[in-house]
């Protein structure tokens, strides 16, 4: 009976973890779309209301550069924390 309760708790935990991941991803998408609209409006004000190829290229390039920089910074921070945790656990 205990084994069954343990399995039920593990299943419940797994479901909650997946749900948490889905909710976080969904909210992240909503935030990204809001920022996307804002940045597009800024570019429209800078380049005018006409959607030009140059404005779209500039926007895509800027967003790509920002994403690459943020991804690198987050990866470095995660790796640094992993190293610190590993060092602490080895002590």
Protein backbone atom coordinates (compact mmCIF):
# COMPACT_ATOMS: atom_id res chain seq x y z
CA UNK A 1 0.00 0.00 0.00
CA UNK A 2 2.87 2.40 0.81
CA UNK A 3 4.43 1.67 -2.57
CA UNK A 4 1.20 2.66 -4.29
CA UNK A 5 1.02 5.92 -2.29
CA UNK A 6 4.63 6.67 -3.16
CA UNK A 7 3.96 6.11 -6.86
CA UNK A 8 0.86 8.33 -6.69
CA UNK A 9 2.89 11.13 -5.09
CA UNK A 10 5.59 10.79 -7.75
CA UNK A 11 2.96 10.94 -10.49
CA UNK A 12 1.33 13.97 -8.87
CA UNK A 13 4.72 15.70 -8.63
CA UNK A 14 5.51 14.91 -12.26
CA UNK A 15 2.15 16.28 -13.41
CA UNK A 16 2.63 19.47 -11.38
CA UNK A 17 6.16 19.93 -12.77
CA UNK A 18 4.89 19.56 -16.35
CA UNK A 19 1.98 21.91 -15.66
CA UNK A 20 4.36 24.44 -14.16
CA UNK A 21 6.57 24.24 -17.26
CA UNK A 22 3.59 24.72 -19.59
CA UNK A 23 2.22 27.67 -17.63
CA UNK A 24 5.63 29.32 -17.48
CA UNK A 25 6.17 28.83 -21.21
CA UNK A 26 2.71 30.19 -21.98
CA UNK A 27 3.21 33.28 -19.87
CA UNK A 28 6.64 33.75 -21.41
CA UNK A 29 5.05 33.68 -24.86
CA UNK A 30 2.49 36.30 -23.83
CA UNK A 31 5.26 38.54 -22.48
CA UNK A 32 7.34 38.03 -25.63
CA UNK A 33 4.40 38.98 -27.84
CA UNK A 34 3.78 42.12 -25.79
CA UNK A 35 7.44 43.13 -26.12
CA UNK A 36 7.33 42.29 -29.82
CA UNK A 37 4.40 44.66 -30.34
CA UNK A 38 6.17 47.42 -28.41
CA UNK A 39 9.41 47.07 -30.34
CA UNK A 40 7.53 46.98 -33.66
CA UNK A 41 5.68 50.17 -32.72
CA UNK A 42 8.99 51.85 -31.85
CA UNK A 43 10.42 50.85 -35.23
CA UNK A 44 7.29 52.17 -36.96
CA UNK A 45 7.79 55.52 -35.27
CA UNK A 46 11.47 55.60 -36.25
CA UNK A 47 11.10 54.39 -39.85
CA UNK A 48 7.58 55.67 -40.53
CA UNK A 49 4.29 53.88 -40.88
CA UNK A 50 5.25 52.11 -44.09
CA UNK A 51 6.65 48.67 -43.47
CA UNK A 52 9.94 48.76 -45.33
CA UNK A 53 12.33 45.92 -45.92
CA UNK A 54 15.09 47.88 -44.19
CA UNK A 55 12.95 48.40 -41.05
CA UNK A 56 12.03 44.72 -40.90
CA UNK A 57 15.65 43.67 -41.37
CA UNK A 58 16.83 46.10 -38.68
CA UNK A 59 14.18 44.86 -36.29
CA UNK A 60 15.02 41.19 -36.89
CA UNK A 61 18.74 41.87 -36.51
CA UNK A 62 18.30 43.82 -33.28
CA UNK A 63 16.04 41.18 -31.75
CA UNK A 64 18.46 38.40 -32.75
CA UNK A 65 21.43 40.20 -31.21
CA UNK A 66 19.54 40.83 -27.97
CA UNK A 67 18.40 37.21 -27.75
CA UNK A 68 21.92 35.87 -28.37
CA UNK A 69 23.40 38.15 -25.70
CA UNK A 70 20.71 37.27 -23.16
CA UNK A 71 21.03 33.55 -23.90
CA UNK A 72 24.80 33.65 -23.44
CA UNK A 73 24.51 35.56 -20.17
CA UNK A 74 21.88 33.20 -18.78
CA UNK A 75 23.89 30.12 -19.84
CA UNK A 76 27.03 31.49 -18.19
CA UNK A 77 25.14 32.26 -14.98
CA UNK A 78 23.57 28.78 -14.90
CA UNK A 79 26.94 27.11 -15.49
CA UNK A 80 28.56 29.24 -12.79
CA UNK A 81 25.86 28.31 -10.28
CA UNK A 82 26.14 24.63 -11.22
CA UNK A 83 29.88 24.81 -10.60
CA UNK A 84 29.37 26.49 -7.24
CA UNK A 85 26.79 23.89 -6.20
CA UNK A 86 29.07 21.06 -7.32
CA UNK A 87 31.98 22.52 -5.32
CA UNK A 88 29.83 22.89 -2.22
CA UNK A 89 28.54 19.32 -2.48
CA UNK A 90 32.09 17.98 -2.81
CA UNK A 91 33.19 19.67 0.45
